[in-house]
């Protein structure tokens, strides 16, 4: 089921999420609904706060490179109770956007790699190092679980420049 999105200006986006204590059928259904919602909105990632749920769940579709040089989206990945650690010292600036902040894309500096520990939809443990854009996707979505938006990671000068656009989003979607 496609769920309604929460947009910039809604205080729900600033909420910290709670750990999932048990993976029930309802949690599995929520995860699949999140994937469907992400896909319906042409996103590559979605956190539970973006649909007004305050559980530590993120979903992504990794962007993969084809042999011909074209990019395509991989299978959806679900991370329950993600914990990030060991960010690389090497960082990269790259444009980020967000389904909850439509139409705005800004350069955000993030580590090139990160380690993630989480559970999958069946409760199996995931523990791996992720790099590149996939690491960026996971860090972006994990930020949401802590009430942080990508615009919060912008330098103060850039934040000031985008204030009119943020006011428009707030007025249009809330």
N, C-alpha and C. Protein backbone atom coordinates (compact mmCIF):
# COMPACT_ATOMS: atom_id res chain seq x y z
N UNK A 1 0.84 -1.17 0.00
CA UNK A 1 0.00 0.00 0.00
C UNK A 1 0.89 1.25 0.00
N UNK A 2 0.57 2.18 -0.86
CA UNK A 2 1.33 3.43 -0.93
C UNK A 2 0.84 4.33 0.21
N UNK A 3 1.80 4.78 1.01
CA UNK A 3 1.48 5.59 2.18
C UNK A 3 1.75 7.07 1.89
N UNK A 4 1.03 7.98 2.54
CA UNK A 4 1.27 9.41 2.31
C UNK A 4 2.61 9.85 2.91
N UNK A 5 3.29 10.75 2.21
CA UNK A 5 4.57 11.26 2.67
C UNK A 5 4.39 12.43 3.63
N UNK A 6 5.37 12.60 4.49
CA UNK A 6 5.45 13.74 5.40
C UNK A 6 6.48 14.69 4.79
N UNK A 7 6.17 15.98 4.75
CA UNK A 7 7.02 16.96 4.07
C UNK A 7 7.69 17.94 5.03
N UNK A 8 8.74 18.57 4.51
CA UNK A 8 9.48 19.58 5.27
C UNK A 8 8.50 20.57 5.90
N UNK A 9 8.75 20.88 7.16
CA UNK A 9 7.89 21.78 7.91
C UNK A 9 6.99 21.02 8.88
N UNK A 10 6.78 19.73 8.62
CA UNK A 10 5.99 18.91 9.53
C UNK A 10 6.91 18.46 10.68
N UNK A 11 6.53 18.73 11.92
CA UNK A 11 7.39 18.37 13.06
C UNK A 11 7.69 16.88 13.17
N UNK A 12 6.91 16.03 12.52
CA UNK A 12 7.17 14.59 12.56
C UNK A 12 8.55 14.27 12.01
N UNK A 13 9.03 15.07 11.04
CA UNK A 13 10.35 14.80 10.45
C UNK A 13 11.48 15.04 11.44
N UNK A 14 11.20 15.73 12.53
CA UNK A 14 12.23 16.03 13.52
C UNK A 14 12.20 15.07 14.71
N UNK A 15 11.40 14.02 14.59
CA UNK A 15 11.26 13.04 15.67
C UNK A 15 12.38 12.00 15.62
N UNK A 16 12.78 11.56 16.80
CA UNK A 16 13.71 10.44 16.90
C UNK A 16 12.89 9.15 16.95
N UNK A 17 13.36 8.14 16.28
CA UNK A 17 12.62 6.89 16.18
C UNK A 17 13.02 5.89 17.26
N UNK A 18 12.09 5.00 17.55
CA UNK A 18 12.30 3.95 18.55
C UNK A 18 12.73 2.66 17.86
N UNK A 19 13.49 1.86 18.60
CA UNK A 19 13.91 0.56 18.07
C UNK A 19 12.70 -0.35 17.89
N UNK A 20 12.78 -1.18 16.88
CA UNK A 20 11.78 -2.23 16.67
C UNK A 20 12.15 -3.34 17.64
N UNK A 21 11.22 -3.71 18.51
CA UNK A 21 11.53 -4.73 19.53
C UNK A 21 11.22 -6.14 19.06
N UNK A 22 10.31 -6.25 18.09
CA UNK A 22 9.95 -7.56 17.56
C UNK A 22 9.51 -7.40 16.11
N UNK A 23 10.00 -8.28 15.26
CA UNK A 23 9.60 -8.22 13.85
C UNK A 23 8.34 -9.05 13.69
N UNK A 24 7.23 -8.34 13.66
CA UNK A 24 5.91 -8.96 13.55
C UNK A 24 5.44 -8.90 12.09
N UNK A 25 4.29 -9.48 11.84
CA UNK A 25 3.71 -9.40 10.50
C UNK A 25 3.41 -7.94 10.14
N UNK A 26 3.00 -7.14 11.14
CA UNK A 26 2.72 -5.72 10.90
C UNK A 26 3.98 -4.97 10.51
N UNK A 27 5.11 -5.31 11.13
CA UNK A 27 6.39 -4.67 10.79
C UNK A 27 6.80 -5.06 9.38
N UNK A 28 6.66 -6.33 9.05
CA UNK A 28 6.99 -6.77 7.68
C UNK A 28 6.14 -6.04 6.65
N UNK A 29 4.85 -5.91 6.95
CA UNK A 29 3.94 -5.22 6.04
C UNK A 29 4.34 -3.75 5.91
N UNK A 30 4.69 -3.11 7.02
CA UNK A 30 5.14 -1.72 6.98
C UNK A 30 6.38 -1.58 6.09
N UNK A 31 7.32 -2.50 6.23
CA UNK A 31 8.54 -2.46 5.40
C UNK A 31 8.20 -2.55 3.92
N UNK A 32 7.32 -3.47 3.57
CA UNK A 32 6.94 -3.62 2.16
C UNK A 32 6.16 -2.41 1.66
N UNK A 33 5.31 -1.84 2.52
CA UNK A 33 4.60 -0.61 2.16
C UNK A 33 5.59 0.54 1.95
N UNK A 34 6.64 0.58 2.74
CA UNK A 34 7.66 1.62 2.58
C UNK A 34 8.35 1.49 1.23
N UNK A 35 8.67 0.26 0.83
CA UNK A 35 9.30 0.04 -0.48
C UNK A 35 8.34 0.49 -1.58
N UNK A 36 7.09 0.11 -1.46
CA UNK A 36 6.09 0.49 -2.47
C UNK A 36 5.94 2.02 -2.54
N UNK A 37 5.94 2.66 -1.39
CA UNK A 37 5.82 4.12 -1.33
C UNK A 37 7.03 4.79 -1.95
N UNK A 38 8.24 4.29 -1.62
CA UNK A 38 9.48 4.81 -2.20
C UNK A 38 9.43 4.69 -3.72
N UNK A 39 9.07 3.53 -4.21
CA UNK A 39 9.03 3.30 -5.66
C UNK A 39 7.98 4.18 -6.34
N UNK A 40 6.81 4.32 -5.73
CA UNK A 40 5.73 5.12 -6.31
C UNK A 40 6.12 6.60 -6.42
N UNK A 41 7.05 7.02 -5.57
CA UNK A 41 7.49 8.42 -5.57
C UNK A 41 8.85 8.60 -6.25
N UNK A 42 9.30 7.55 -6.96
CA UNK A 42 10.58 7.58 -7.68
C UNK A 42 11.75 7.92 -6.78
N UNK A 43 11.74 7.38 -5.58
CA UNK A 43 12.84 7.59 -4.64
C UNK A 43 13.83 6.45 -4.66
N UNK A 44 14.98 6.69 -4.06
CA UNK A 44 15.98 5.62 -3.91
C UNK A 44 16.16 5.25 -2.44
N UNK A 45 15.44 5.95 -1.56
CA UNK A 45 15.49 5.65 -0.15
C UNK A 45 14.29 6.25 0.56
N UNK A 46 13.94 5.67 1.71
CA UNK A 46 12.83 6.17 2.50
C UNK A 46 13.03 5.71 3.94
N UNK A 47 12.74 6.62 4.86
CA UNK A 47 12.78 6.27 6.28
C UNK A 47 11.35 6.25 6.81
N UNK A 48 11.17 5.59 7.93
CA UNK A 48 9.84 5.49 8.51
C UNK A 48 9.28 6.85 8.92
N UNK A 49 10.13 7.81 9.31
CA UNK A 49 9.62 9.13 9.70
C UNK A 49 8.95 9.82 8.52
N UNK A 50 9.39 9.51 7.32
CA UNK A 50 8.84 10.17 6.13
C UNK A 50 7.41 9.73 5.83
N UNK A 51 6.96 8.70 6.53
CA UNK A 51 5.56 8.28 6.41
C UNK A 51 4.86 8.40 7.77
N UNK A 52 5.50 9.12 8.68
CA UNK A 52 4.88 9.39 9.97
C UNK A 52 4.91 8.25 10.96
N UNK A 53 5.82 7.30 10.76
CA UNK A 53 6.00 6.18 11.70
C UNK A 53 7.34 6.39 12.41
N UNK A 54 7.37 6.11 13.69
CA UNK A 54 8.58 6.43 14.46
C UNK A 54 9.31 5.18 14.93
N UNK A 55 9.60 4.32 13.97
CA UNK A 55 10.36 3.09 14.20
C UNK A 55 11.65 3.16 13.39
N UNK A 56 12.68 2.52 13.88
CA UNK A 56 13.99 2.60 13.23
C UNK A 56 14.02 1.64 12.03
N UNK A 57 13.44 2.10 10.92
CA UNK A 57 13.39 1.31 9.68
C UNK A 57 13.73 2.23 8.51
N UNK A 58 14.64 1.75 7.66
CA UNK A 58 14.93 2.45 6.41
C UNK A 58 14.89 1.44 5.27
N UNK A 59 14.55 1.94 4.09
CA UNK A 59 14.59 1.12 2.88
C UNK A 59 15.33 1.90 1.81
N UNK A 60 16.07 1.19 1.00
CA UNK A 60 16.77 1.83 -0.12
C UNK A 60 16.69 0.93 -1.35
N UNK A 61 16.93 1.53 -2.49
CA UNK A 61 17.20 0.79 -3.73
C UNK A 61 18.58 1.28 -4.15
N UNK A 62 19.60 0.45 -4.04
CA UNK A 62 20.92 0.91 -4.45
C UNK A 62 20.98 1.22 -5.93
N UNK A 63 21.69 2.28 -6.24
CA UNK A 63 21.90 2.67 -7.64
C UNK A 63 23.13 1.90 -8.12
N UNK A 64 22.93 1.07 -9.13
CA UNK A 64 23.99 0.21 -9.65
C UNK A 64 24.41 0.67 -11.04
N UNK A 65 25.64 0.38 -11.40
CA UNK A 65 26.16 0.75 -12.72
C UNK A 65 26.08 -0.45 -13.65
N UNK A 66 25.52 -0.23 -14.82
CA UNK A 66 25.47 -1.28 -15.85
C UNK A 66 26.77 -1.24 -16.64
N UNK A 67 27.04 -2.30 -17.35
CA UNK A 67 28.27 -2.37 -18.15
C UNK A 67 28.33 -1.28 -19.20
N UNK A 68 27.17 -0.87 -19.72
CA UNK A 68 27.13 0.17 -20.75
C UNK A 68 27.33 1.56 -20.16
N UNK A 69 27.46 1.64 -18.82
CA UNK A 69 27.65 2.94 -18.17
C UNK A 69 26.37 3.55 -17.65
N UNK A 70 25.22 2.95 -17.99
CA UNK A 70 23.95 3.45 -17.47
C UNK A 70 23.77 2.96 -16.04
N UNK A 71 23.05 3.73 -15.25
CA UNK A 71 22.75 3.32 -13.89
C UNK A 71 21.34 2.73 -13.84
N UNK A 72 21.14 1.81 -12.92
CA UNK A 72 19.81 1.25 -12.72
C UNK A 72 19.64 0.96 -11.23
N UNK A 73 18.40 0.79 -10.81
CA UNK A 73 18.13 0.55 -9.39
C UNK A 73 18.15 -0.94 -9.11
N UNK A 74 18.81 -1.30 -8.01
CA UNK A 74 18.89 -2.69 -7.60
C UNK A 74 17.67 -3.09 -6.78
N UNK A 75 17.72 -4.31 -6.28
CA UNK A 75 16.65 -4.82 -5.43
C UNK A 75 16.55 -3.97 -4.17
N UNK A 76 15.33 -3.81 -3.68
CA UNK A 76 15.11 -3.05 -2.45
C UNK A 76 15.83 -3.74 -1.29
N UNK A 77 16.41 -2.92 -0.43
CA UNK A 77 17.07 -3.41 0.78
C UNK A 77 16.37 -2.77 1.98
N UNK A 78 16.11 -3.59 2.98
CA UNK A 78 15.41 -3.15 4.19
C UNK A 78 16.36 -3.30 5.36
N UNK A 79 16.47 -2.23 6.15
CA UNK A 79 17.33 -2.23 7.33
C UNK A 79 16.49 -1.84 8.54
N UNK A 80 16.38 -2.75 9.49
CA UNK A 80 15.64 -2.51 10.72
C UNK A 80 16.64 -2.31 11.85
N UNK A 81 16.44 -1.26 12.64
CA UNK A 81 17.34 -0.89 13.74
C UNK A 81 18.78 -0.70 13.27
N UNK A 82 19.00 0.07 12.21
CA UNK A 82 20.37 0.25 11.73
C UNK A 82 21.24 0.99 12.75
N UNK A 83 22.48 0.54 12.84
CA UNK A 83 23.49 1.21 13.65
C UNK A 83 24.69 1.43 12.75
N UNK A 84 25.11 2.67 12.60
CA UNK A 84 26.23 3.00 11.73
C UNK A 84 27.48 3.24 12.56
N UNK A 85 28.61 2.79 12.03
CA UNK A 85 29.88 2.97 12.72
C UNK A 85 31.01 3.03 11.71
N UNK A 86 32.18 3.36 12.19
CA UNK A 86 33.41 3.37 11.41
C UNK A 86 33.31 4.17 10.11
N UNK A 87 32.87 5.45 10.18
CA UNK A 87 32.86 6.25 8.95
C UNK A 87 34.28 6.46 8.45
N UNK A 88 34.46 6.43 7.15
CA UNK A 88 35.79 6.64 6.59
C UNK A 88 36.22 8.09 6.80
N UNK A 89 37.52 8.28 6.88
CA UNK A 89 38.04 9.65 6.98
C UNK A 89 37.87 10.36 5.64
N UNK A 90 37.96 9.58 4.57
CA UNK A 90 37.78 10.15 3.23
C UNK A 90 36.32 10.51 3.02
N UNK A 91 36.08 11.72 2.56
CA UNK A 91 34.71 12.18 2.33
C UNK A 91 34.52 12.55 0.86
N UNK A 92 33.27 12.76 0.51
CA UNK A 92 32.94 13.17 -0.86
C UNK A 92 31.71 14.08 -0.80
N UNK A 93 31.74 15.11 -1.62
CA UNK A 93 30.56 15.96 -1.78
C UNK A 93 29.79 15.47 -2.99
N UNK A 94 28.48 15.38 -2.81
CA UNK A 94 27.63 14.94 -3.90
C UNK A 94 26.23 15.50 -3.67
N UNK A 95 25.48 15.73 -4.76
CA UNK A 95 24.12 16.26 -4.58
C UNK A 95 23.20 15.25 -3.91
N UNK A 96 22.37 15.76 -3.03
CA UNK A 96 21.34 14.93 -2.39
C UNK A 96 20.01 15.64 -2.52
N UNK A 97 18.98 14.85 -2.61
CA UNK A 97 17.62 15.33 -2.58
C UNK A 97 16.85 14.48 -1.59
N UNK A 98 15.58 14.76 -1.44
CA UNK A 98 14.79 14.04 -0.44
C UNK A 98 13.33 14.10 -0.84
N UNK A 99 12.64 12.98 -0.74
CA UNK A 99 11.21 12.97 -1.06
C UNK A 99 10.43 13.91 -0.16
N UNK A 100 10.93 14.17 1.05
CA UNK A 100 10.25 15.06 1.99
C UNK A 100 10.61 16.53 1.79
N UNK A 101 11.58 16.78 0.93
CA UNK A 101 12.00 18.16 0.61
C UNK A 101 12.02 18.25 -0.91
N UNK A 102 10.83 18.15 -1.56
CA UNK A 102 10.78 18.01 -3.02
C UNK A 102 11.36 19.20 -3.78
N UNK A 103 12.07 18.85 -4.85
CA UNK A 103 12.59 19.86 -5.76
C UNK A 103 13.91 20.49 -5.35
N UNK A 104 14.42 20.14 -4.19
CA UNK A 104 15.65 20.75 -3.70
C UNK A 104 16.77 19.71 -3.73
N UNK A 105 17.88 20.05 -4.38
CA UNK A 105 19.06 19.19 -4.44
C UNK A 105 20.27 20.05 -4.10
N UNK A 106 21.06 19.61 -3.13
CA UNK A 106 22.23 20.37 -2.69
C UNK A 106 23.40 19.43 -2.42
N UNK A 107 24.60 19.96 -2.59
CA UNK A 107 25.82 19.21 -2.33
C UNK A 107 25.99 18.98 -0.83
N UNK A 108 26.14 17.72 -0.43
CA UNK A 108 26.33 17.36 0.97
C UNK A 108 27.62 16.55 1.06
N UNK A 109 28.43 16.89 2.04
CA UNK A 109 29.67 16.14 2.27
C UNK A 109 29.40 15.01 3.26
N UNK A 110 29.78 13.81 2.88
CA UNK A 110 29.61 12.63 3.73
C UNK A 110 30.83 11.72 3.59
N UNK A 111 31.04 10.84 4.57
CA UNK A 111 32.10 9.83 4.44
C UNK A 111 31.86 8.95 3.21
N UNK A 112 32.94 8.46 2.63
CA UNK A 112 32.85 7.58 1.45
C UNK A 112 32.34 6.18 1.81
N UNK A 113 32.58 5.77 3.06
CA UNK A 113 32.12 4.44 3.47
C UNK A 113 31.69 4.47 4.93
N UNK A 114 30.91 3.46 5.29
CA UNK A 114 30.37 3.34 6.64
C UNK A 114 30.10 1.86 6.90
N UNK A 115 30.10 1.48 8.15
CA UNK A 115 29.73 0.11 8.50
C UNK A 115 28.30 0.14 9.05
N UNK A 116 27.47 -0.80 8.61
CA UNK A 116 26.10 -0.88 9.10
C UNK A 116 25.85 -2.24 9.74
N UNK A 117 25.21 -2.20 10.90
CA UNK A 117 24.67 -3.39 11.56
C UNK A 117 23.17 -3.17 11.65
N UNK A 118 22.39 -4.16 11.26
CA UNK A 118 20.93 -4.02 11.26
C UNK A 118 20.32 -5.41 11.21
N UNK A 119 19.00 -5.43 11.12
CA UNK A 119 18.26 -6.67 10.89
C UNK A 119 17.54 -6.53 9.55
N UNK A 120 17.34 -7.67 8.87
CA UNK A 120 16.54 -7.64 7.65
C UNK A 120 15.08 -7.92 8.00
N UNK A 121 14.24 -8.00 7.02
CA UNK A 121 12.80 -8.16 7.23
C UNK A 121 12.45 -9.47 7.94
N UNK A 122 13.36 -10.45 7.89
CA UNK A 122 13.14 -11.73 8.55
C UNK A 122 13.84 -11.83 9.90
N UNK A 123 14.46 -10.74 10.32
CA UNK A 123 15.15 -10.74 11.61
C UNK A 123 16.58 -11.24 11.56
N UNK A 124 17.09 -11.49 10.35
CA UNK A 124 18.48 -11.92 10.20
C UNK A 124 19.41 -10.73 10.38
N UNK A 125 20.56 -10.98 11.00
CA UNK A 125 21.52 -9.91 11.22
C UNK A 125 22.25 -9.55 9.94
N UNK A 126 22.44 -8.26 9.75
CA UNK A 126 23.22 -7.72 8.63
C UNK A 126 24.38 -6.98 9.26
N UNK A 127 25.57 -7.23 8.79
CA UNK A 127 26.75 -6.50 9.25
C UNK A 127 27.70 -6.40 8.07
N UNK A 128 27.86 -5.17 7.55
CA UNK A 128 28.72 -5.03 6.38
C UNK A 128 29.19 -3.60 6.23
N UNK A 129 30.26 -3.46 5.47
CA UNK A 129 30.77 -2.14 5.10
C UNK A 129 30.13 -1.78 3.77
N UNK A 130 29.64 -0.55 3.67
CA UNK A 130 29.08 -0.07 2.41
C UNK A 130 29.85 1.16 1.96
N UNK A 131 29.96 1.32 0.65
CA UNK A 131 30.77 2.42 0.12
C UNK A 131 29.99 3.19 -0.95
N UNK A 132 30.53 4.33 -1.32
CA UNK A 132 30.00 5.11 -2.43
C UNK A 132 28.59 5.60 -2.20
N UNK A 133 27.80 5.58 -3.28
CA UNK A 133 26.44 6.13 -3.22
C UNK A 133 25.56 5.35 -2.26
N UNK A 134 25.76 4.06 -2.18
CA UNK A 134 24.95 3.24 -1.26
C UNK A 134 25.19 3.69 0.18
N UNK A 135 26.43 3.98 0.52
CA UNK A 135 26.74 4.49 1.86
C UNK A 135 26.02 5.82 2.09
N UNK A 136 26.04 6.66 1.09
CA UNK A 136 25.35 7.96 1.17
C UNK A 136 23.84 7.76 1.39
N UNK A 137 23.24 6.84 0.64
CA UNK A 137 21.81 6.57 0.80
C UNK A 137 21.49 6.15 2.24
N UNK A 138 22.29 5.23 2.75
CA UNK A 138 22.06 4.71 4.10
C UNK A 138 22.26 5.81 5.14
N UNK A 139 23.31 6.62 5.00
CA UNK A 139 23.54 7.70 5.96
C UNK A 139 22.41 8.73 5.91
N UNK A 140 21.96 9.06 4.72
CA UNK A 140 20.86 10.02 4.54
C UNK A 140 19.60 9.51 5.24
N UNK A 141 19.23 8.27 4.98
CA UNK A 141 18.01 7.71 5.58
C UNK A 141 18.17 7.51 7.08
N UNK A 142 19.34 7.10 7.52
CA UNK A 142 19.57 6.94 8.96
C UNK A 142 19.46 8.28 9.69
N UNK A 143 19.92 9.35 9.05
CA UNK A 143 19.76 10.69 9.64
C UNK A 143 18.29 10.95 9.96
N UNK A 144 17.39 10.57 9.05
CA UNK A 144 15.96 10.79 9.28
C UNK A 144 15.50 10.15 10.60
N UNK A 145 16.05 8.98 10.91
CA UNK A 145 15.64 8.28 12.13
C UNK A 145 16.01 9.05 13.39
N UNK A 146 16.90 10.02 13.24
CA UNK A 146 17.34 10.86 14.35
C UNK A 146 16.82 12.29 14.23
N UNK A 147 15.87 12.51 13.31
CA UNK A 147 15.28 13.83 13.14
C UNK A 147 16.15 14.82 12.40
N UNK A 148 17.12 14.31 11.63
CA UNK A 148 18.06 15.15 10.89
C UNK A 148 17.74 15.07 9.40
N UNK A 149 17.70 16.23 8.74
CA UNK A 149 17.49 16.29 7.30
C UNK A 149 18.79 16.66 6.60
N UNK A 150 18.90 16.32 5.31
CA UNK A 150 20.14 16.61 4.59
C UNK A 150 20.44 18.11 4.59
N UNK A 151 19.43 18.95 4.63
CA UNK A 151 19.66 20.40 4.64
C UNK A 151 20.34 20.85 5.93
N UNK A 152 20.22 20.06 6.99
CA UNK A 152 20.89 20.38 8.25
C UNK A 152 22.41 20.22 8.13
N UNK A 153 22.84 19.48 7.13
CA UNK A 153 24.27 19.22 6.94
C UNK A 153 24.93 20.25 6.02
N UNK A 154 24.15 21.21 5.56
CA UNK A 154 24.69 22.25 4.66
C UNK A 154 25.37 23.35 5.47
N UNK A 155 26.38 24.00 4.89
CA UNK A 155 26.99 25.16 5.56
C UNK A 155 25.94 26.26 5.78
N UNK A 156 26.14 27.05 6.82
CA UNK A 156 25.18 28.10 7.19
C UNK A 156 24.85 29.03 6.02
N UNK A 157 25.86 29.39 5.23
CA UNK A 157 25.64 30.29 4.09
C UNK A 157 24.67 29.66 3.09
N UNK A 158 24.85 28.39 2.79
CA UNK A 158 23.99 27.69 1.83
C UNK A 158 22.58 27.56 2.40
N UNK A 159 22.46 27.29 3.70
CA UNK A 159 21.15 27.18 4.35
C UNK A 159 20.37 28.49 4.17
N UNK A 160 21.08 29.60 4.33
CA UNK A 160 20.46 30.92 4.19
C UNK A 160 19.96 31.10 2.75
N UNK A 161 20.76 30.65 1.78
CA UNK A 161 20.39 30.79 0.36
C UNK A 161 19.14 30.00 0.00
N UNK A 162 18.94 28.86 0.64
CA UNK A 162 17.80 28.01 0.27
C UNK A 162 16.55 28.29 1.11
N UNK A 163 16.63 29.22 2.05
CA UNK A 163 15.47 29.52 2.89
C UNK A 163 14.20 29.83 2.10
N UNK A 164 14.26 30.64 1.03
CA UNK A 164 13.04 30.90 0.26
C UNK A 164 12.42 29.62 -0.32
N UNK A 165 13.26 28.72 -0.81
CA UNK A 165 12.76 27.45 -1.36
C UNK A 165 12.12 26.61 -0.26
N UNK A 166 12.72 26.60 0.91
CA UNK A 166 12.17 25.84 2.03
C UNK A 166 10.82 26.41 2.47
N UNK A 167 10.71 27.72 2.47
CA UNK A 167 9.43 28.35 2.82
C UNK A 167 8.35 27.97 1.82
N UNK A 168 8.71 27.90 0.54
CA UNK A 168 7.76 27.49 -0.51
C UNK A 168 7.28 26.06 -0.28
N UNK A 169 8.23 25.17 0.02
CA UNK A 169 7.88 23.77 0.26
C UNK A 169 6.92 23.68 1.45
N UNK A 170 7.27 24.38 2.50
CA UNK A 170 6.45 24.38 3.71
C UNK A 170 5.02 24.85 3.40
N UNK A 171 4.92 25.92 2.64
CA UNK A 171 3.61 26.49 2.30
C UNK A 171 2.81 25.56 1.38
N UNK A 172 3.49 24.91 0.45
CA UNK A 172 2.82 24.09 -0.55
C UNK A 172 2.33 22.75 0.01
N UNK A 173 3.13 22.14 0.89
CA UNK A 173 2.85 20.76 1.30
C UNK A 173 2.28 20.60 2.70
N UNK A 174 2.21 21.68 3.49
CA UNK A 174 1.72 21.52 4.87
C UNK A 174 0.48 22.35 5.10
